[in-house]
Amino acid sequence: MRTRLFIPILIAAALASAVAKPIRAHHAIAMFDGRRVVEISGTITAFRWINPHAVFELDGRIEEESASAHWIVEMQAPNSMTEAGWSRTTLAVGDRVTVFAHPARDATPAHGANRVLYAGIILPGGLALGHTDDNR
């Protein structure tokens, strides 16, 4: 009787571990180039203060380029961002900001937007959070 239960349990455990790896990999930062930082000036179009990581979007351009694009900026979890001076009211749609971010290793836009990893920001009033040219 025990042998009959052991095989299905072993198979279920193997399947669960196979599914868990891709889910965990989604939140890895390996897809971003941690050695490079791009400076994007633009206007906030969305801000989501959610777990597992906060996200904001903006329409803007990299300083040395002339073409504007849509950007999705991934951040850490809200509790980590709170410790760094952020709150759910730090950004509002329409705010003009300058973002410092690590670009994706694969620069191909996904779902119509360029993905970057947050490094720092200069807010409309001039307050700098994170790693920017003003507070490194």
N, C-alpha and C. Protein backbone atom coordinates (compact mmCIF):
# COMPACT_ATOMS: atom_id res chain seq x y z
N MET A 1 0.82 -1.20 0.00
CA MET A 1 0.00 0.00 0.00
C MET A 1 0.86 1.26 0.00
N ARG A 2 1.93 1.26 0.79
CA ARG A 2 2.81 2.43 0.86
C ARG A 2 3.50 2.68 -0.48
N THR A 3 3.87 1.62 -1.19
CA THR A 3 4.55 1.76 -2.47
C THR A 3 3.63 2.42 -3.48
N ARG A 4 2.36 2.11 -3.44
CA ARG A 4 1.40 2.71 -4.37
C ARG A 4 1.28 4.22 -4.16
N LEU A 5 1.40 4.67 -2.94
CA LEU A 5 1.32 6.10 -2.66
C LEU A 5 2.64 6.81 -2.93
N PHE A 6 3.74 6.12 -2.76
CA PHE A 6 5.05 6.75 -2.90
C PHE A 6 5.29 7.25 -4.32
N ILE A 7 5.00 6.47 -5.32
CA ILE A 7 5.25 6.85 -6.73
C ILE A 7 4.44 8.09 -7.11
N PRO A 8 3.12 8.16 -6.86
CA PRO A 8 2.37 9.37 -7.21
C PRO A 8 2.86 10.62 -6.45
N ILE A 9 3.23 10.46 -5.19
CA ILE A 9 3.74 11.59 -4.43
C ILE A 9 5.07 12.07 -5.01
N LEU A 10 5.93 11.14 -5.39
CA LEU A 10 7.21 11.48 -5.99
C LEU A 10 7.01 12.23 -7.32
N ILE A 11 6.08 11.76 -8.12
CA ILE A 11 5.78 12.42 -9.40
C ILE A 11 5.22 13.83 -9.16
N ALA A 12 4.32 13.96 -8.19
CA ALA A 12 3.74 15.27 -7.88
C ALA A 12 4.82 16.25 -7.40
N ALA A 13 5.75 15.77 -6.58
CA ALA A 13 6.83 16.64 -6.10
C ALA A 13 7.74 17.07 -7.25
N ALA A 14 8.03 16.16 -8.15
CA ALA A 14 8.88 16.50 -9.30
C ALA A 14 8.19 17.54 -10.20
N LEU A 15 6.90 17.36 -10.43
CA LEU A 15 6.16 18.33 -11.24
C LEU A 15 6.09 19.69 -10.56
N ALA A 16 5.89 19.71 -9.25
CA ALA A 16 5.83 20.98 -8.53
C ALA A 16 7.15 21.73 -8.60
N SER A 17 8.26 21.02 -8.48
CA SER A 17 9.55 21.69 -8.55
C SER A 17 9.85 22.17 -9.97
N ALA A 18 9.37 21.47 -10.97
CA ALA A 18 9.58 21.89 -12.36
C ALA A 18 8.81 23.18 -12.65
N VAL A 19 7.64 23.34 -12.06
CA VAL A 19 6.83 24.53 -12.25
C VAL A 19 7.37 25.69 -11.43
N ALA A 20 7.93 25.43 -10.27
CA ALA A 20 8.41 26.49 -9.38
C ALA A 20 9.60 27.25 -9.97
N LYS A 21 10.47 26.59 -10.68
CA LYS A 21 11.66 27.25 -11.23
C LYS A 21 11.32 28.37 -12.21
N PRO A 22 10.47 28.15 -13.20
CA PRO A 22 10.15 29.24 -14.13
C PRO A 22 9.46 30.42 -13.44
N ILE A 23 8.66 30.18 -12.44
CA ILE A 23 7.98 31.26 -11.73
C ILE A 23 9.01 32.11 -11.02
N ARG A 24 9.97 31.50 -10.36
CA ARG A 24 11.01 32.23 -9.65
C ARG A 24 11.89 32.99 -10.65
N ALA A 25 12.16 32.43 -11.78
CA ALA A 25 13.03 33.05 -12.77
C ALA A 25 12.45 34.34 -13.33
N HIS A 26 11.12 34.48 -13.31
CA HIS A 26 10.49 35.70 -13.82
C HIS A 26 11.00 36.94 -13.11
N HIS A 27 11.32 36.83 -11.83
CA HIS A 27 11.72 37.98 -11.05
C HIS A 27 13.23 38.15 -10.94
N ALA A 28 13.97 37.39 -11.69
CA ALA A 28 15.42 37.53 -11.68
C ALA A 28 15.82 38.82 -12.39
N ILE A 29 16.94 39.39 -11.98
CA ILE A 29 17.40 40.63 -12.61
C ILE A 29 18.47 40.35 -13.65
N ALA A 30 18.72 39.08 -13.94
CA ALA A 30 19.75 38.73 -14.92
C ALA A 30 19.44 39.24 -16.31
N MET A 31 18.19 39.55 -16.59
CA MET A 31 17.83 40.04 -17.93
C MET A 31 18.27 41.49 -18.15
N PHE A 32 18.72 42.17 -17.07
CA PHE A 32 19.14 43.56 -17.17
C PHE A 32 20.66 43.66 -17.10
N ASP A 33 21.21 44.67 -17.76
CA ASP A 33 22.64 44.91 -17.78
C ASP A 33 23.00 45.82 -16.61
N GLY A 34 23.47 45.23 -15.52
CA GLY A 34 23.79 45.97 -14.31
C GLY A 34 25.01 46.88 -14.44
N ARG A 35 25.76 46.75 -15.51
CA ARG A 35 26.95 47.60 -15.71
C ARG A 35 26.61 48.90 -16.44
N ARG A 36 25.45 48.97 -17.08
CA ARG A 36 25.06 50.16 -17.85
C ARG A 36 23.88 50.85 -17.20
N VAL A 37 23.86 52.16 -17.30
CA VAL A 37 22.72 52.95 -16.83
C VAL A 37 22.34 53.91 -17.96
N VAL A 38 21.04 53.93 -18.27
CA VAL A 38 20.54 54.89 -19.26
C VAL A 38 19.73 55.95 -18.52
N GLU A 39 19.71 57.15 -19.06
CA GLU A 39 18.96 58.27 -18.49
C GLU A 39 17.77 58.53 -19.41
N ILE A 40 16.57 58.41 -18.87
CA ILE A 40 15.35 58.57 -19.65
C ILE A 40 14.56 59.75 -19.08
N SER A 41 14.25 60.72 -19.92
CA SER A 41 13.41 61.85 -19.51
C SER A 41 12.04 61.66 -20.14
N GLY A 42 11.00 61.80 -19.32
CA GLY A 42 9.67 61.60 -19.87
C GLY A 42 8.56 61.87 -18.88
N THR A 43 7.37 61.43 -19.28
CA THR A 43 6.14 61.67 -18.52
C THR A 43 5.55 60.35 -18.05
N ILE A 44 5.22 60.28 -16.76
CA ILE A 44 4.65 59.07 -16.16
C ILE A 44 3.27 58.80 -16.77
N THR A 45 3.06 57.55 -17.20
CA THR A 45 1.76 57.15 -17.75
C THR A 45 1.04 56.15 -16.85
N ALA A 46 1.77 55.51 -15.92
CA ALA A 46 1.15 54.55 -14.99
C ALA A 46 2.10 54.32 -13.82
N PHE A 47 1.53 54.03 -12.64
CA PHE A 47 2.32 53.70 -11.45
C PHE A 47 1.54 52.67 -10.66
N ARG A 48 2.15 51.49 -10.51
CA ARG A 48 1.50 50.41 -9.77
C ARG A 48 2.36 50.05 -8.56
N TRP A 49 1.83 50.32 -7.39
CA TRP A 49 2.51 50.07 -6.11
C TRP A 49 2.03 48.70 -5.62
N ILE A 50 2.57 47.64 -6.22
CA ILE A 50 2.08 46.28 -5.99
C ILE A 50 3.24 45.32 -5.73
N ASN A 51 2.92 44.18 -5.12
CA ASN A 51 3.88 43.09 -4.97
C ASN A 51 3.76 42.18 -6.17
N PRO A 52 4.75 41.49 -6.62
CA PRO A 52 6.05 41.32 -5.96
C PRO A 52 7.01 42.46 -6.21
N HIS A 53 6.70 43.35 -7.16
CA HIS A 53 7.55 44.52 -7.35
C HIS A 53 6.71 45.66 -7.91
N ALA A 54 7.04 46.86 -7.46
CA ALA A 54 6.36 48.05 -7.98
C ALA A 54 6.83 48.30 -9.41
N VAL A 55 5.98 48.94 -10.19
CA VAL A 55 6.28 49.20 -11.59
C VAL A 55 5.72 50.57 -11.95
N PHE A 56 6.47 51.32 -12.75
CA PHE A 56 5.88 52.51 -13.35
C PHE A 56 6.22 52.54 -14.82
N GLU A 57 5.40 53.26 -15.57
CA GLU A 57 5.59 53.37 -17.02
C GLU A 57 5.72 54.85 -17.37
N LEU A 58 6.48 55.11 -18.43
CA LEU A 58 6.60 56.48 -18.90
C LEU A 58 6.82 56.50 -20.40
N ASP A 59 6.42 57.60 -20.99
CA ASP A 59 6.73 57.89 -22.39
C ASP A 59 7.86 58.89 -22.36
N GLY A 60 8.98 58.53 -22.97
CA GLY A 60 10.13 59.43 -22.93
C GLY A 60 11.24 58.94 -23.83
N ARG A 61 12.39 59.60 -23.69
CA ARG A 61 13.51 59.25 -24.55
C ARG A 61 14.80 59.21 -23.75
N ILE A 62 15.73 58.40 -24.23
CA ILE A 62 17.07 58.38 -23.67
C ILE A 62 17.75 59.67 -24.11
N GLU A 63 18.49 60.28 -23.23
CA GLU A 63 19.08 61.59 -23.48
C GLU A 63 19.82 61.70 -24.81
N GLU A 64 20.61 60.71 -25.17
CA GLU A 64 21.39 60.83 -26.40
C GLU A 64 20.64 60.42 -27.66
N GLU A 65 19.38 60.01 -27.51
CA GLU A 65 18.57 59.61 -28.66
C GLU A 65 17.45 60.62 -28.87
N SER A 66 16.96 60.71 -30.09
CA SER A 66 15.90 61.67 -30.35
C SER A 66 14.51 61.04 -30.36
N ALA A 67 14.41 59.74 -30.59
CA ALA A 67 13.11 59.08 -30.68
C ALA A 67 12.52 58.80 -29.30
N SER A 68 11.25 59.11 -29.14
CA SER A 68 10.55 58.81 -27.89
C SER A 68 10.03 57.38 -27.94
N ALA A 69 9.89 56.75 -26.77
CA ALA A 69 9.42 55.37 -26.69
C ALA A 69 8.64 55.19 -25.39
N HIS A 70 7.96 54.06 -25.30
CA HIS A 70 7.25 53.71 -24.07
C HIS A 70 8.16 52.81 -23.25
N TRP A 71 8.28 53.09 -21.95
CA TRP A 71 9.19 52.37 -21.06
C TRP A 71 8.43 51.79 -19.88
N ILE A 72 8.77 50.56 -19.50
CA ILE A 72 8.27 49.93 -18.29
C ILE A 72 9.47 49.81 -17.35
N VAL A 73 9.35 50.42 -16.18
CA VAL A 73 10.44 50.44 -15.21
C VAL A 73 10.08 49.52 -14.05
N GLU A 74 10.83 48.45 -13.90
CA GLU A 74 10.60 47.51 -12.81
C GLU A 74 11.40 47.95 -11.59
N MET A 75 10.77 47.80 -10.43
CA MET A 75 11.40 48.21 -9.17
C MET A 75 11.40 47.04 -8.20
N GLN A 76 11.85 47.28 -6.97
CA GLN A 76 11.80 46.28 -5.93
C GLN A 76 10.39 46.25 -5.33
N ALA A 77 10.20 45.38 -4.34
CA ALA A 77 8.92 45.29 -3.64
C ALA A 77 8.63 46.60 -2.92
N PRO A 78 7.35 46.95 -2.76
CA PRO A 78 7.00 48.20 -2.09
C PRO A 78 7.65 48.39 -0.72
N ASN A 79 7.78 47.32 0.08
CA ASN A 79 8.38 47.51 1.41
C ASN A 79 9.84 47.92 1.29
N SER A 80 10.57 47.41 0.30
CA SER A 80 11.96 47.83 0.07
C SER A 80 12.00 49.27 -0.45
N MET A 81 11.07 49.61 -1.31
CA MET A 81 11.05 50.97 -1.87
C MET A 81 10.68 51.99 -0.79
N THR A 82 9.84 51.62 0.17
CA THR A 82 9.49 52.51 1.28
C THR A 82 10.74 52.86 2.08
N GLU A 83 11.59 51.87 2.31
CA GLU A 83 12.84 52.11 3.04
C GLU A 83 13.75 53.06 2.27
N ALA A 84 13.58 53.14 0.95
CA ALA A 84 14.40 54.01 0.11
C ALA A 84 13.75 55.37 -0.13
N GLY A 85 12.65 55.68 0.60
CA GLY A 85 12.03 57.00 0.49
C GLY A 85 10.79 57.07 -0.38
N TRP A 86 10.35 55.94 -0.94
CA TRP A 86 9.18 55.92 -1.81
C TRP A 86 7.90 55.70 -1.01
N SER A 87 6.76 56.09 -1.61
CA SER A 87 5.44 55.75 -1.08
C SER A 87 4.50 55.57 -2.27
N ARG A 88 3.30 55.17 -1.98
CA ARG A 88 2.33 54.96 -3.07
C ARG A 88 1.93 56.27 -3.74
N THR A 89 2.32 57.41 -3.17
CA THR A 89 1.99 58.72 -3.76
C THR A 89 3.22 59.44 -4.32
N THR A 90 4.35 58.76 -4.41
CA THR A 90 5.57 59.41 -4.91
C THR A 90 5.41 59.86 -6.36
N LEU A 91 4.74 59.06 -7.17
CA LEU A 91 4.53 59.39 -8.59
C LEU A 91 3.05 59.52 -8.89
N ALA A 92 2.76 60.36 -9.87
CA ALA A 92 1.39 60.50 -10.36
C ALA A 92 1.44 60.56 -11.89
N VAL A 93 0.40 60.06 -12.51
CA VAL A 93 0.32 60.14 -13.97
C VAL A 93 0.44 61.60 -14.38
N GLY A 94 1.29 61.87 -15.36
CA GLY A 94 1.51 63.23 -15.83
C GLY A 94 2.78 63.87 -15.29
N ASP A 95 3.37 63.29 -14.24
CA ASP A 95 4.62 63.84 -13.70
C ASP A 95 5.73 63.75 -14.74
N ARG A 96 6.52 64.81 -14.87
CA ARG A 96 7.73 64.81 -15.72
C ARG A 96 8.90 64.44 -14.83
N VAL A 97 9.63 63.38 -15.20
CA VAL A 97 10.72 62.86 -14.39
C VAL A 97 11.93 62.54 -15.25
N THR A 98 13.05 62.33 -14.57
CA THR A 98 14.24 61.79 -15.21
C THR A 98 14.57 60.50 -14.47
N VAL A 99 14.61 59.40 -15.21
CA VAL A 99 14.83 58.07 -14.64
C VAL A 99 16.21 57.56 -15.03
N PHE A 100 16.86 56.94 -14.08
CA PHE A 100 18.15 56.28 -14.32
C PHE A 100 17.89 54.80 -14.15
N ALA A 101 18.20 54.00 -15.17
CA ALA A 101 17.82 52.59 -15.14
C ALA A 101 18.81 51.72 -15.89
N HIS A 102 18.81 50.45 -15.51
CA HIS A 102 19.63 49.45 -16.19
C HIS A 102 18.82 48.89 -17.35
N PRO A 103 19.34 48.97 -18.57
CA PRO A 103 18.58 48.48 -19.73
C PRO A 103 18.56 46.96 -19.79
N ALA A 104 17.60 46.42 -20.51
CA ALA A 104 17.54 44.98 -20.74
C ALA A 104 18.71 44.57 -21.62
N ARG A 105 19.24 43.39 -21.37
CA ARG A 105 20.35 42.89 -22.20
C ARG A 105 19.88 42.73 -23.65
N ASP A 106 18.64 42.26 -23.80
CA ASP A 106 18.04 42.14 -25.12
C ASP A 106 17.17 43.38 -25.32
N ALA A 107 17.61 44.29 -26.15
CA ALA A 107 16.94 45.58 -26.30
C ALA A 107 15.65 45.51 -27.12
N THR A 108 15.23 44.32 -27.50
CA THR A 108 14.00 44.18 -28.28
C THR A 108 12.79 44.53 -27.41
N PRO A 109 11.96 45.50 -27.81
CA PRO A 109 10.78 45.83 -27.02
C PRO A 109 9.84 44.63 -26.87
N ALA A 110 9.31 44.46 -25.66
CA ALA A 110 8.35 43.38 -25.38
C ALA A 110 6.99 44.01 -25.11
N HIS A 111 5.98 43.54 -25.76
CA HIS A 111 4.62 44.05 -25.60
C HIS A 111 4.55 45.55 -25.86
N GLY A 112 5.31 46.02 -26.84
CA GLY A 112 5.26 47.42 -27.24
C GLY A 112 5.99 48.38 -26.33
N ALA A 113 6.82 47.85 -25.41
CA ALA A 113 7.53 48.74 -24.50
C ALA A 113 8.94 48.23 -24.25
N ASN A 114 9.82 49.13 -23.87
CA ASN A 114 11.17 48.78 -23.47
C ASN A 114 11.19 48.56 -21.97
N ARG A 115 11.79 47.46 -21.52
CA ARG A 115 11.85 47.18 -20.09
C ARG A 115 13.21 47.58 -19.55
N VAL A 116 13.20 48.24 -18.39
CA VAL A 116 14.42 48.62 -17.70
C VAL A 116 14.25 48.35 -16.20
N LEU A 117 15.37 48.29 -15.49
CA LEU A 117 15.37 48.07 -14.05
C LEU A 117 15.75 49.37 -13.35
N TYR A 118 14.92 49.82 -12.45
CA TYR A 118 15.09 51.09 -11.73
C TYR A 118 16.44 51.17 -11.03
N ALA A 119 17.10 52.31 -11.17
CA ALA A 119 18.32 52.63 -10.40
C ALA A 119 18.09 53.91 -9.59
N GLY A 120 17.42 54.90 -10.19
CA GLY A 120 17.17 56.15 -9.50
C GLY A 120 16.22 57.03 -10.29
N ILE A 121 15.79 58.13 -9.66
CA ILE A 121 14.84 59.03 -10.31
C ILE A 121 15.01 60.44 -9.77
N ILE A 122 14.78 61.42 -10.61
CA ILE A 122 14.68 62.80 -10.18
C ILE A 122 13.22 63.20 -10.38
N LEU A 123 12.55 63.52 -9.28
CA LEU A 123 11.12 63.83 -9.29
C LEU A 123 10.88 65.27 -9.75
N PRO A 124 9.62 65.63 -10.05
CA PRO A 124 9.31 66.96 -10.56
C PRO A 124 9.85 68.11 -9.70
N GLY A 125 9.84 67.97 -8.40
CA GLY A 125 10.34 69.04 -7.52
C GLY A 125 11.86 69.06 -7.38
N GLY A 126 12.55 68.11 -8.05
CA GLY A 126 14.00 68.07 -7.98
C GLY A 126 14.56 67.06 -6.98
N LEU A 127 13.70 66.45 -6.16
CA LEU A 127 14.16 65.44 -5.21
C LEU A 127 14.69 64.23 -5.95
N ALA A 128 15.88 63.78 -5.58
CA ALA A 128 16.50 62.60 -6.20
C ALA A 128 16.39 61.41 -5.25
N LEU A 129 15.93 60.30 -5.78
CA LEU A 129 15.86 59.04 -5.03
C LEU A 129 16.67 57.99 -5.77
N GLY A 130 17.31 57.09 -5.01
CA GLY A 130 18.09 56.04 -5.64
C GLY A 130 19.40 56.56 -6.17
N HIS A 131 19.94 55.89 -7.17
CA HIS A 131 21.23 56.25 -7.75
C HIS A 131 21.03 57.12 -9.00
N THR A 132 21.37 58.40 -8.87
CA THR A 132 21.28 59.35 -9.97
C THR A 132 22.60 60.08 -10.06
N ASP A 133 22.77 60.88 -11.08
CA ASP A 133 23.99 61.69 -11.19
C ASP A 133 24.11 62.65 -10.02
N ASP A 134 22.96 63.04 -9.44
CA ASP A 134 22.95 64.03 -8.36
C ASP A 134 23.32 63.46 -6.99
N ASN A 135 23.15 62.16 -6.78
CA ASN A 135 23.38 61.63 -5.43
C ASN A 135 24.14 60.31 -5.40
N ARG A 136 25.05 60.08 -6.31
CA ARG A 136 25.84 58.85 -6.29
C ARG A 136 26.90 58.91 -5.23
